[in-house]
C-alpha atoms as a PDB file:
ATOM      1  CA  UNK A   1      86.738  95.475 106.657  1.00  0.00           C
ATOM      2  CA  UNK A   2      89.563  97.420 108.465  1.00  0.00           C
ATOM      3  CA  UNK A   3      88.072 100.437 111.173  1.00  0.00           C
ATOM      4  CA  UNK A   4      90.485 103.136 110.207  1.00  0.00           C
ATOM      5  CA  UNK A   5      91.992 105.301 112.409  1.00  0.00           C
ATOM      6  CA  UNK A   6      91.869 109.547 110.990  1.00  0.00           C
ATOM      7  CA  UNK A   7      92.134 112.559 112.360  1.00  0.00           C
ATOM      8  CA  UNK A   8      90.019 115.893 111.498  1.00  0.00           C
ATOM      9  CA  UNK A   9      92.653 119.145 111.071  1.00  0.00           C
ATOM     10  CA  UNK A  10      91.397 122.212 110.852  1.00  0.00           C
ATOM     11  CA  UNK A  11      91.912 125.782 112.802  1.00  0.00           C
ATOM     12  CA  UNK A  12      89.855 127.942 115.265  1.00  0.00           C
ATOM     13  CA  UNK A  13      87.738 130.289 113.351  1.00  0.00           C
ATOM     14  CA  UNK A  14      88.525 128.751 109.834  1.00  0.00           C
ATOM     15  CA  UNK A  15      85.333 129.024 107.717  1.00  0.00           C
ATOM     16  CA  UNK A  16      85.797 125.599 106.507  1.00  0.00           C
ATOM     17  CA  UNK A  17      83.708 124.443 103.663  1.00  0.00           C
ATOM     18  CA  UNK A  18      85.116 121.037 102.653  1.00  0.00           C
ATOM     19  CA  UNK A  19      87.927 118.448 103.479  1.00  0.00           C
ATOM     20  CA  UNK A  20      90.578 116.918 101.527  1.00  0.00           C
ATOM     21  CA  UNK A  21      91.228 113.153 102.811  1.00  0.00           C
ATOM     22  CA  UNK A  22      94.747 112.721 102.885  1.00  0.00           C
ATOM     23  CA  UNK A  23      96.533 109.331 102.802  1.00  0.00           C
ATOM     24  CA  UNK A  24     100.116 107.893 103.318  1.00  0.00           C
ATOM     25  CA  UNK A  25     102.260 105.481 101.571  1.00  0.00           C
ATOM     26  CA  UNK A  26     103.031 101.615 102.136  1.00  0.00           C
ATOM     27  CA  UNK A  27     105.570 102.530 104.880  1.00  0.00           C
ATOM     28  CA  UNK A  28     103.929 105.879 106.422  1.00  0.00           C
ATOM     29  CA  UNK A  29     100.643 106.847 108.719  1.00  0.00           C
ATOM     30  CA  UNK A  30      98.586 109.567 107.959  1.00  0.00           C
ATOM     31  CA  UNK A  31     100.818 111.511 110.690  1.00  0.00           C
ATOM     32  CA  UNK A  32     103.407 111.402 108.605  1.00  0.00           C
ATOM     33  CA  UNK A  33     101.437 114.081 106.224  1.00  0.00           C
ATOM     34  CA  UNK A  34     100.331 116.415 109.333  1.00  0.00           C
ATOM     35  CA  UNK A  35     102.897 119.355 108.477  1.00  0.00           C
ATOM     36  CA  UNK A  36     101.693 119.409 104.886  1.00  0.00           C
ATOM     37  CA  UNK A  37      98.052 119.108 106.030  1.00  0.00           C
ATOM     38  CA  UNK A  38      98.365 121.878 108.349  1.00  0.00           C
ATOM     39  CA  UNK A  39     100.375 124.450 105.607  1.00  0.00           C
ATOM     40  CA  UNK A  40      97.645 123.222 102.927  1.00  0.00           C
ATOM     41  CA  UNK A  41      94.719 124.441 105.248  1.00  0.00           C
ATOM     42  CA  UNK A  42      96.969 127.507 106.118  1.00  0.00           C
ATOM     43  CA  UNK A  43      97.258 128.397 102.690  1.00  0.00           C
ATOM     44  CA  UNK A  44      93.633 127.414 102.086  1.00  0.00           C
ATOM     45  CA  UNK A  45      91.634 127.970 105.229  1.00  0.00           C
ATOM     46  CA  UNK A  46      88.649 126.992 103.566  1.00  0.00           C
ATOM     47  CA  UNK A  47      89.516 123.394 103.392  1.00  0.00           C
ATOM     48  CA  UNK A  48      90.184 121.323 106.461  1.00  0.00           C
ATOM     49  CA  UNK A  49      92.073 118.019 106.245  1.00  0.00           C
ATOM     50  CA  UNK A  50      91.421 114.418 107.082  1.00  0.00           C
ATOM     51  CA  UNK A  51      94.513 112.262 107.962  1.00  0.00           C
ATOM     52  CA  UNK A  52      93.902 108.643 107.589  1.00  0.00           C
ATOM     53  CA  UNK A  53      95.894 105.501 108.406  1.00  0.00           C
ATOM     54  CA  UNK A  54      95.242 102.583 106.034  1.00  0.00           C
ATOM     55  CA  UNK A  55      94.883  99.112 107.340  1.00  0.00           C
ATOM     56  CA  UNK A  56      98.099  97.612 109.088  1.00  0.00           C
ATOM     57  CA  UNK A  57      99.407 101.017 109.220  1.00  0.00           C
ATOM     58  CA  UNK A  58      99.631 103.570 112.161  1.00  0.00           C
ATOM     59  CA  UNK A  59      96.515 103.252 114.989  1.00  0.00           C
ATOM     60  CA  UNK A  60      94.129 101.368 112.270  1.00  0.00           C
ATOM     61  CA  UNK A  61      93.226  98.004 112.926  1.00  0.00           C
ATOM     62  CA  UNK A  62      95.095  94.942 110.888  1.00  0.00           C
ATOM     63  CA  UNK A  63      92.398  92.896 109.759  1.00  0.00           C
ATOM     64  CA  UNK A  64      92.572  89.412 108.410  1.00  0.00           C
ATOM     65  CA  UNK A  65      93.717  89.205 104.517  1.00  0.00           C
ATOM     66  CA  UNK A  66      93.014  89.708 101.849  1.00  0.00           C
ATOM     67  CA  UNK A  67      95.403  92.742 102.140  1.00  0.00           C
ATOM     68  CA  UNK A  68      94.528  93.921  98.402  1.00  0.00           C
ATOM     69  CA  UNK A  69      93.927  97.493  97.179  1.00  0.00           C
ATOM     70  CA  UNK A  70      90.369  96.556  96.671  1.00  0.00           C
ATOM     71  CA  UNK A  71      90.067  96.127 100.505  1.00  0.00           C
ATOM     72  CA  UNK A  72      91.940  99.012 101.414  1.00  0.00           C
ATOM     73  CA  UNK A  73      89.434 101.315  98.781  1.00  0.00           C
ATOM     74  CA  UNK A  74      86.673  99.618 100.312  1.00  0.00           C
ATOM     75  CA  UNK A  75      88.027 100.473 104.198  1.00  0.00           C
ATOM     76  CA  UNK A  76      88.390 104.320 102.960  1.00  0.00           C
ATOM     77  CA  UNK A  77      85.034 104.182 101.260  1.00  0.00           C
ATOM     78  CA  UNK A  78      83.420 102.833 104.747  1.00  0.00           C
ATOM     79  CA  UNK A  79      84.970 105.772 106.232  1.00  0.00           C
ATOM     80  CA  UNK A  80      83.914 108.340 104.062  1.00  0.00           C
ATOM     81  CA  UNK A  81      80.495 107.089 104.469  1.00  0.00           C
ATOM     82  CA  UNK A  82      80.977 107.540 108.432  1.00  0.00           C
ATOM     83  CA  UNK A  83      82.220 110.999 108.018  1.00  0.00           C
ATOM     84  CA  UNK A  84      79.299 111.939 105.615  1.00  0.00           C
ATOM     85  CA  UNK A  85      77.040 110.845 108.254  1.00  0.00           C
ATOM     86  CA  UNK A  86      78.673 113.612 110.619  1.00  0.00           C
ATOM     87  CA  UNK A  87      78.540 116.189 108.074  1.00  0.00           C
ATOM     88  CA  UNK A  88      82.142 115.894 107.211  1.00  0.00           C
ATOM     89  CA  UNK A  89      81.887 116.933 103.312  1.00  0.00           C
ATOM     90  CA  UNK A  90      84.779 115.428 101.556  1.00  0.00           C
ATOM     91  CA  UNK A  91      85.547 117.404  98.188  1.00  0.00           C
ATOM     92  CA  UNK A  92      89.332 115.641  97.372  1.00  0.00           C
ATOM     93  CA  UNK A  93      91.360 112.815  97.908  1.00  0.00           C
ATOM     94  CA  UNK A  94      94.850 112.261  97.956  1.00  0.00           C
ATOM     95  CA  UNK A  95      97.230 109.642  98.576  1.00  0.00           C
ATOM     96  CA  UNK A  96     101.094 109.092  98.145  1.00  0.00           C
ATOM     97  CA  UNK A  97     102.255 106.046  96.248  1.00  0.00           C
ATOM     98  CA  UNK A  98     100.351 102.968  97.845  1.00  0.00           C
ATOM     99  CA  UNK A  99      97.895 105.268  99.158  1.00  0.00           C
ATOM    100  CA  UNK A 100      97.484 107.145  95.919  1.00  0.00           C
ATOM    101  CA  UNK A 101      96.719 103.833  94.015  1.00  0.00           C
ATOM    102  CA  UNK A 102      94.307 103.483  97.092  1.00  0.00           C
ATOM    103  CA  UNK A 103      92.655 106.665  96.208  1.00  0.00           C
ATOM    104  CA  UNK A 104      92.061 105.646  92.537  1.00  0.00           C
ATOM    105  CA  UNK A 105      90.950 102.371  93.337  1.00  0.00           C
ATOM    106  CA  UNK A 106      88.246 104.030  95.483  1.00  0.00           C
ATOM    107  CA  UNK A 107      87.734 106.480  92.785  1.00  0.00           C
ATOM    108  CA  UNK A 108      87.117 103.339  90.438  1.00  0.00           C
ATOM    109  CA  UNK A 109      84.821 101.457  93.453  1.00  0.00           C
ATOM    110  CA  UNK A 110      82.883 104.957  94.274  1.00  0.00           C
ATOM    111  CA  UNK A 111      79.524 103.666  93.267  1.00  0.00           C
ATOM    112  CA  UNK A 112      79.704 101.176  96.232  1.00  0.00           C
ATOM    113  CA  UNK A 113      80.672 103.975  98.607  1.00  0.00           C
ATOM    114  CA  UNK A 114      77.965 106.991  98.521  1.00  0.00           C
ATOM    115  CA  UNK A 115      80.008 109.102 101.045  1.00  0.00           C
ATOM    116  CA  UNK A 116      82.988 109.026  98.265  1.00  0.00           C
ATOM    117  CA  UNK A 117      80.277 109.975  95.583  1.00  0.00           C
ATOM    118  CA  UNK A 118      80.697 113.758  96.583  1.00  0.00           C
ATOM    119  CA  UNK A 119      84.627 113.613  95.993  1.00  0.00           C
ATOM    120  CA  UNK A 120      84.870 115.397  92.597  1.00  0.00           C
ATOM    121  CA  UNK A 121      88.821 115.598  92.713  1.00  0.00           C
ATOM    122  CA  UNK A 122      91.576 112.511  93.499  1.00  0.00           C
ATOM    123  CA  UNK A 123      94.836 113.081  93.475  1.00  0.00           C
ATOM    124  CA  UNK A 124      97.828 110.140  93.253  1.00  0.00           C
ATOM    125  CA  UNK A 125     101.675 111.458  94.547  1.00  0.00           C
ATOM    126  CA  UNK A 126     104.263 109.661  92.842  1.00  0.00           C
ATOM    127  CA  UNK A 127     102.005 106.622  91.864  1.00  0.00           C
ATOM    128  CA  UNK A 128     101.501 105.001  88.956  1.00  0.00           C
ATOM    129  CA  UNK A 129      98.037 103.875  87.487  1.00  0.00           C
ATOM    130  CA  UNK A 130      99.935 100.918  85.323  1.00  0.00           C
ATOM    131  CA  UNK A 131     100.472  97.724  86.848  1.00  0.00           C
ATOM    132  CA  UNK A 132     104.372  97.004  87.193  1.00  0.00           C
ATOM    133  CA  UNK A 133     104.638  92.911  87.271  1.00  0.00           C
ATOM    134  CA  UNK A 134     108.467  93.068  87.293  1.00  0.00           C
ATOM    135  CA  UNK A 135     109.012  95.783  89.832  1.00  0.00           C
ATOM    136  CA  UNK A 136     110.475  93.819  92.548  1.00  0.00           C
ATOM    137  CA  UNK A 137     113.403  93.033  90.161  1.00  0.00           C
ATOM    138  CA  UNK A 138     113.874  96.485  89.094  1.00  0.00           C
ATOM    139  CA  UNK A 139     117.505  97.628  90.174  1.00  0.00           C
ATOM    140  CA  UNK A 140     116.015 101.352  91.132  1.00  0.00           C
ATOM    141  CA  UNK A 141     112.976 100.469  92.971  1.00  0.00           C
ATOM    142  CA  UNK A 142     113.606 102.075  96.090  1.00  0.00           C
ATOM    143  CA  UNK A 143     110.246 100.915  97.691  1.00  0.00           C
ATOM    144  CA  UNK A 144     111.545  97.415  97.587  1.00  0.00           C
ATOM    145  CA  UNK A 145     114.984  98.122  98.476  1.00  0.00           C
ATOM    146  CA  UNK A 146     113.030  99.789 101.628  1.00  0.00           C
ATOM    147  CA  UNK A 147     110.961  96.914 102.307  1.00  0.00           C
ATOM    148  CA  UNK A 148     113.870  94.101 101.902  1.00  0.00           C
ATOM    149  CA  UNK A 149     115.925  96.051 104.140  1.00  0.00           C
ATOM    150  CA  UNK A 150     113.056  95.956 106.647  1.00  0.00           C
ATOM    151  CA  UNK A 151     112.903  92.550 106.294  1.00  0.00           C
ATOM    152  CA  UNK A 152     116.462  92.021 106.883  1.00  0.00           C
ATOM    153  CA  UNK A 153     116.670  93.459 110.227  1.00  0.00           C
ATOM    154  CA  UNK A 154     115.933  92.252 113.647  1.00  0.00           C
ATOM    155  CA  UNK A 155     112.807  92.431 115.306  1.00  0.00           C
ATOM    156  CA  UNK A 156     113.679  94.557 118.033  1.00  0.00           C
ATOM    157  CA  UNK A 157     116.224  97.428 118.727  1.00  0.00           C
ATOM    158  CA  UNK A 158     117.278  98.889 121.886  1.00  0.00           C
ATOM    159  CA  UNK A 159     117.076 102.416 121.054  1.00  0.00           C
ATOM    160  CA  UNK A 160     115.321 104.846 118.217  1.00  0.00           C
ATOM    161  CA  UNK A 161     118.841 105.394 117.257  1.00  0.00           C
ATOM    162  CA  UNK A 162     120.153 101.820 116.911  1.00  0.00           C
ATOM    163  CA  UNK A 163     117.205 101.144 114.314  1.00  0.00           C
ATOM    164  CA  UNK A 164     118.170 104.541 112.035  1.00  0.00           C
ATOM    165  CA  UNK A 165     122.009 103.377 112.415  1.00  0.00           C
ATOM    166  CA  UNK A 166     120.616 100.087 111.041  1.00  0.00           C
ATOM    167  CA  UNK A 167     118.738 101.476 108.063  1.00  0.00           C
ATOM    168  CA  UNK A 168     121.613 103.813 107.344  1.00  0.00           C
ATOM    169  CA  UNK A 169     124.099 101.166 107.336  1.00  0.00           C
ATOM    170  CA  UNK A 170     122.050  99.486 104.715  1.00  0.00           C
ATOM    171  CA  UNK A 171     122.663 102.606 102.663  1.00  0.00           C
ATOM    172  CA  UNK A 172     119.419 104.023 103.225  1.00  0.00           C
ATOM    173  CA  UNK A 173     119.135 108.268 103.319  1.00  0.00           C
ATOM    174  CA  UNK A 174     119.337 109.332 107.089  1.00  0.00           C
ATOM    175  CA  UNK A 175     116.233 111.392 106.426  1.00  0.00           C
ATOM    176  CA  UNK A 176     114.083 108.229 105.380  1.00  0.00           C
ATOM    177  CA  UNK A 177     115.679 106.106 108.323  1.00  0.00           C
ATOM    178  CA  UNK A 178     114.356 109.134 110.514  1.00  0.00           C
ATOM    179  CA  UNK A 179     111.151 109.327 109.186  1.00  0.00           C
ATOM    180  CA  UNK A 180     110.799 105.008 109.200  1.00  0.00           C
ATOM    181  CA  UNK A 181     111.413 105.451 112.788  1.00  0.00           C
ATOM    182  CA  UNK A 182     108.093 107.087 113.193  1.00  0.00           C
ATOM    183  CA  UNK A 183     106.353 103.304 113.058  1.00  0.00           C
ATOM    184  CA  UNK A 184     108.410 102.202 116.139  1.00  0.00           C
ATOM    185  CA  UNK A 185     106.698 101.276 119.166  1.00  0.00           C
ATOM    186  CA  UNK A 186     107.828 100.123 122.674  1.00  0.00           C
ATOM    187  CA  UNK A 187     107.892  96.307 123.152  1.00  0.00           C
ATOM    188  CA  UNK A 188     109.932  93.903 125.439  1.00  0.00           C
ATOM    189  CA  UNK A 189     112.335  96.469 126.946  1.00  0.00           C
ATOM    190  CA  UNK A 190     113.160  97.878 123.255  1.00  0.00           C
ATOM    191  CA  UNK A 191     111.410  98.993 120.241  1.00  0.00           C
ATOM    192  CA  UNK A 192     109.978  97.550 117.293  1.00  0.00           C
ATOM    193  CA  UNK A 193     108.368  98.579 114.200  1.00  0.00           C
ATOM    194  CA  UNK A 194     104.627  98.638 114.232  1.00  0.00           C
ATOM    195  CA  UNK A 195     104.417  97.578 110.701  1.00  0.00           C
ATOM    196  CA  UNK A 196     103.272  93.695 109.660  1.00  0.00           C
ATOM    197  CA  UNK A 197     105.665  93.142 107.100  1.00  0.00           C
ATOM    198  CA  UNK A 198     104.220  89.963 105.890  1.00  0.00           C
ATOM    199  CA  UNK A 199     100.916  91.806 105.424  1.00  0.00           C
ATOM    200  CA  UNK A 200     102.620  95.134 103.950  1.00  0.00           C
ATOM    201  CA  UNK A 201     104.277  92.783 101.532  1.00  0.00           C
ATOM    202  CA  UNK A 202     100.774  91.595 100.264  1.00  0.00           C
ATOM    203  CA  UNK A 203      99.626  95.209  99.695  1.00  0.00           C
ATOM    204  CA  UNK A 204     102.658  95.978  97.515  1.00  0.00           C
ATOM    205  CA  UNK A 205     102.123  93.060  95.581  1.00  0.00           C
ATOM    206  CA  UNK A 206      98.410  94.479  94.699  1.00  0.00           C
ATOM    207  CA  UNK A 207      99.585  97.725  94.438  1.00  0.00           C
ATOM    208  CA  UNK A 208     102.016  96.417  91.540  1.00  0.00           C
ATOM    209  CA  UNK A 209      99.636  93.827  90.229  1.00  0.00           C
ATOM    210  CA  UNK A 210      96.991  96.468  89.193  1.00  0.00           C
ATOM    211  CA  UNK A 211      96.461  98.215  86.206  1.00  0.00           C
ATOM    212  CA  UNK A 212      94.114 101.167  86.879  1.00  0.00           C
ATOM    213  CA  UNK A 213      94.908 103.113  83.254  1.00  0.00           C
ATOM    214  CA  UNK A 214      91.220 102.231  81.822  1.00  0.00           C
ATOM    215  CA  UNK A 215      89.514 103.989  85.558  1.00  0.00           C
ATOM    216  CA  UNK A 216      91.875 106.681  85.276  1.00  0.00           C
ATOM    217  CA  UNK A 217      90.804 107.540  81.741  1.00  0.00           C
ATOM    218  CA  UNK A 218      87.522 107.275  82.208  1.00  0.00           C
ATOM    219  CA  UNK A 219      86.102 110.885  83.438  1.00  0.00           C
ATOM    220  CA  UNK A 220      82.897 109.661  85.553  1.00  0.00           C
ATOM    221  CA  UNK A 221      85.332 109.406  88.340  1.00  0.00           C
ATOM    222  CA  UNK A 222      86.130 112.667  88.719  1.00  0.00           C
ATOM    223  CA  UNK A 223      89.011 114.831  87.863  1.00  0.00           C
ATOM    224  CA  UNK A 224      92.637 113.054  88.542  1.00  0.00           C
ATOM    225  CA  UNK A 225      95.765 114.705  89.093  1.00  0.00           C
ATOM    226  CA  UNK A 226      99.010 112.763  89.009  1.00  0.00           C
ATOM    227  CA  UNK A 227     101.856 114.193  90.371  1.00  0.00           C
ATOM    228  CA  UNK A 228     105.405 112.959  89.173  1.00  0.00           C
ATOM    229  CA  UNK A 229     108.129 112.949  91.089  1.00  0.00           C
ATOM    230  CA  UNK A 230     110.973 113.805  88.307  1.00  0.00           C
ATOM    231  CA  UNK A 231     113.581 111.708  90.124  1.00  0.00           C
ATOM    232  CA  UNK A 232     111.838 108.470  91.096  1.00  0.00           C
ATOM    233  CA  UNK A 233     111.251 105.665  89.054  1.00  0.00           C
ATOM    234  CA  UNK A 234     107.565 104.909  89.647  1.00  0.00           C
ATOM    235  CA  UNK A 235     106.266 106.461  86.338  1.00  0.00           C
ATOM    236  CA  UNK A 236     107.500 105.097  83.305  1.00  0.00           C
ATOM    237  CA  UNK A 237     108.897 106.685  80.429  1.00  0.00           C
ATOM    238  CA  UNK A 238     105.158 105.274  79.030  1.00  0.00           C
ATOM    239  CA  UNK A 239     103.135 106.557  82.035  1.00  0.00           C
ATOM    240  CA  UNK A 240     104.638 109.977  81.478  1.00  0.00           C
ATOM    241  CA  UNK A 241     103.930 109.893  77.557  1.00  0.00           C
ATOM    242  CA  UNK A 242     100.511 108.761  78.489  1.00  0.00           C
ATOM    243  CA  UNK A 243      99.779 111.349  81.005  1.00  0.00           C
ATOM    244  CA  UNK A 244     100.929 114.137  78.314  1.00  0.00           C
ATOM    245  CA  UNK A 245      98.132 113.144  75.913  1.00  0.00           C
ATOM    246  CA  UNK A 246      95.713 112.389  78.525  1.00  0.00           C
ATOM    247  CA  UNK A 247      91.832 113.554  78.476  1.00  0.00           C
ATOM    248  CA  UNK A 248      91.313 116.814  80.450  1.00  0.00           C
ATOM    249  CA  UNK A 249      90.266 115.316  83.272  1.00  0.00           C
ATOM    250  CA  UNK A 250      93.394 113.794  83.739  1.00  0.00           C
ATOM    251  CA  UNK A 251      96.120 116.146  84.617  1.00  0.00           C
ATOM    252  CA  UNK A 252      99.952 115.714  85.328  1.00  0.00           C
ATOM    253  CA  UNK A 253     102.048 117.990  87.462  1.00  0.00           C
ATOM    254  CA  UNK A 254     105.897 117.350  87.798  1.00  0.00           C
ATOM    255  CA  UNK A 255     107.806 118.406  91.012  1.00  0.00           C
ATOM    256  CA  UNK A 256     111.861 117.924  91.427  1.00  0.00           C
ATOM    257  CA  UNK A 257     112.236 115.164  93.675  1.00  0.00           C
ATOM    258  CA  UNK A 258     112.754 111.589  94.037  1.00  0.00           C
ATOM    259  CA  UNK A 259     109.651 109.275  95.341  1.00  0.00           C
ATOM    260  CA  UNK A 260     109.501 110.432  98.844  1.00  0.00           C
ATOM    261  CA  UNK A 261     108.491 113.463  97.692  1.00  0.00           C
ATOM    262  CA  UNK A 262     107.057 114.789 101.035  1.00  0.00           C
ATOM    263  CA  UNK A 263     110.250 114.711 102.702  1.00  0.00           C
ATOM    264  CA  UNK A 264     112.366 116.211 100.250  1.00  0.00           C
ATOM    265  CA  UNK A 265     110.014 118.758  98.654  1.00  0.00           C
ATOM    266  CA  UNK A 266     107.252 119.305 101.135  1.00  0.00           C
ATOM    267  CA  UNK A 267     107.142 123.140  99.904  1.00  0.00           C
ATOM    268  CA  UNK A 268     106.544 122.206  96.492  1.00  0.00           C
ATOM    269  CA  UNK A 269     103.675 119.466  97.274  1.00  0.00           C
ATOM    270  CA  UNK A 270     101.669 122.213  99.316  1.00  0.00           C
ATOM    271  CA  UNK A 271     101.949 124.798  97.008  1.00  0.00           C
ATOM    272  CA  UNK A 272     100.723 122.285  94.328  1.00  0.00           C
ATOM    273  CA  UNK A 273      97.811 121.370  96.171  1.00  0.00           C
ATOM    274  CA  UNK A 274      96.983 124.767  97.374  1.00  0.00           C
ATOM    275  CA  UNK A 275      96.643 125.958  93.947  1.00  0.00           C
ATOM    276  CA  UNK A 276      94.567 123.177  92.357  1.00  0.00           C
ATOM    277  CA  UNK A 277      92.409 121.918  95.262  1.00  0.00           C
ATOM    278  CA  UNK A 278      88.385 123.076  94.519  1.00  0.00           C
ATOM    279  CA  UNK A 279      88.102 126.674  95.474  1.00  0.00           C
ATOM    280  CA  UNK A 280      84.490 128.319  94.697  1.00  0.00           C
ATOM    281  CA  UNK A 281      81.739 126.292  95.965  1.00  0.00           C
ATOM    282  CA  UNK A 282      84.024 123.229  96.629  1.00  0.00           C
ATOM    283  CA  UNK A 283      81.440 121.281  94.061  1.00  0.00           C
END
């Protein structure tokens, strides 16, 4: 089990009645979503946010393997229990990409985690419930491309600019390179990425292996919202067709963006969450 770094975000004088737990994708950290969390709270002052670093990311622990979805979900479930004991009422949980599938896995396993039982609404932000066993061979899989680019880079860089230049030279977008540079930390008179790439690859392999459609279609876990980034290949044609005929508890939303929707379309993400997150008694 990993102890997870987390950050509670509210504002002075806000009458917060519940919290959204928000986590990141395979190359991110909770802090990457701080701007969006602040804007959601500004639009919905009744909701605070909890930004979470998953295992092997940000300031969280890097425990021994296995580094799979179940282990990640159990980490988050333990944190949910700790927060509940501190009086933090979690009413919704959301994650981008890998983090979205972690949250959907916790939804599936929430009977093991009483602290997660109060979460009534779950969000997968451009994350597919489907297994994708051939994902590493998909030509347009931007997540795979980024991982392989990072694996090909030297372990140290003289500067942040040198790291960003190496990524853009490998045909990664400048905005993405600047975002990935947030993972840099000082090391040996230079900088290195804090991401343990072998563990990250194991996490990604588990993400692609898991089929969460049976639990997604089960209403017992609570409402599940799937956000489709329309220019991303993450959700297949079959996924999108299944979402169109899904039962009422399983809702889909579309945003005009590629996979990195929080970079390309942050205002659309904020507007969507602010509109649909729980209201009233936040039950």
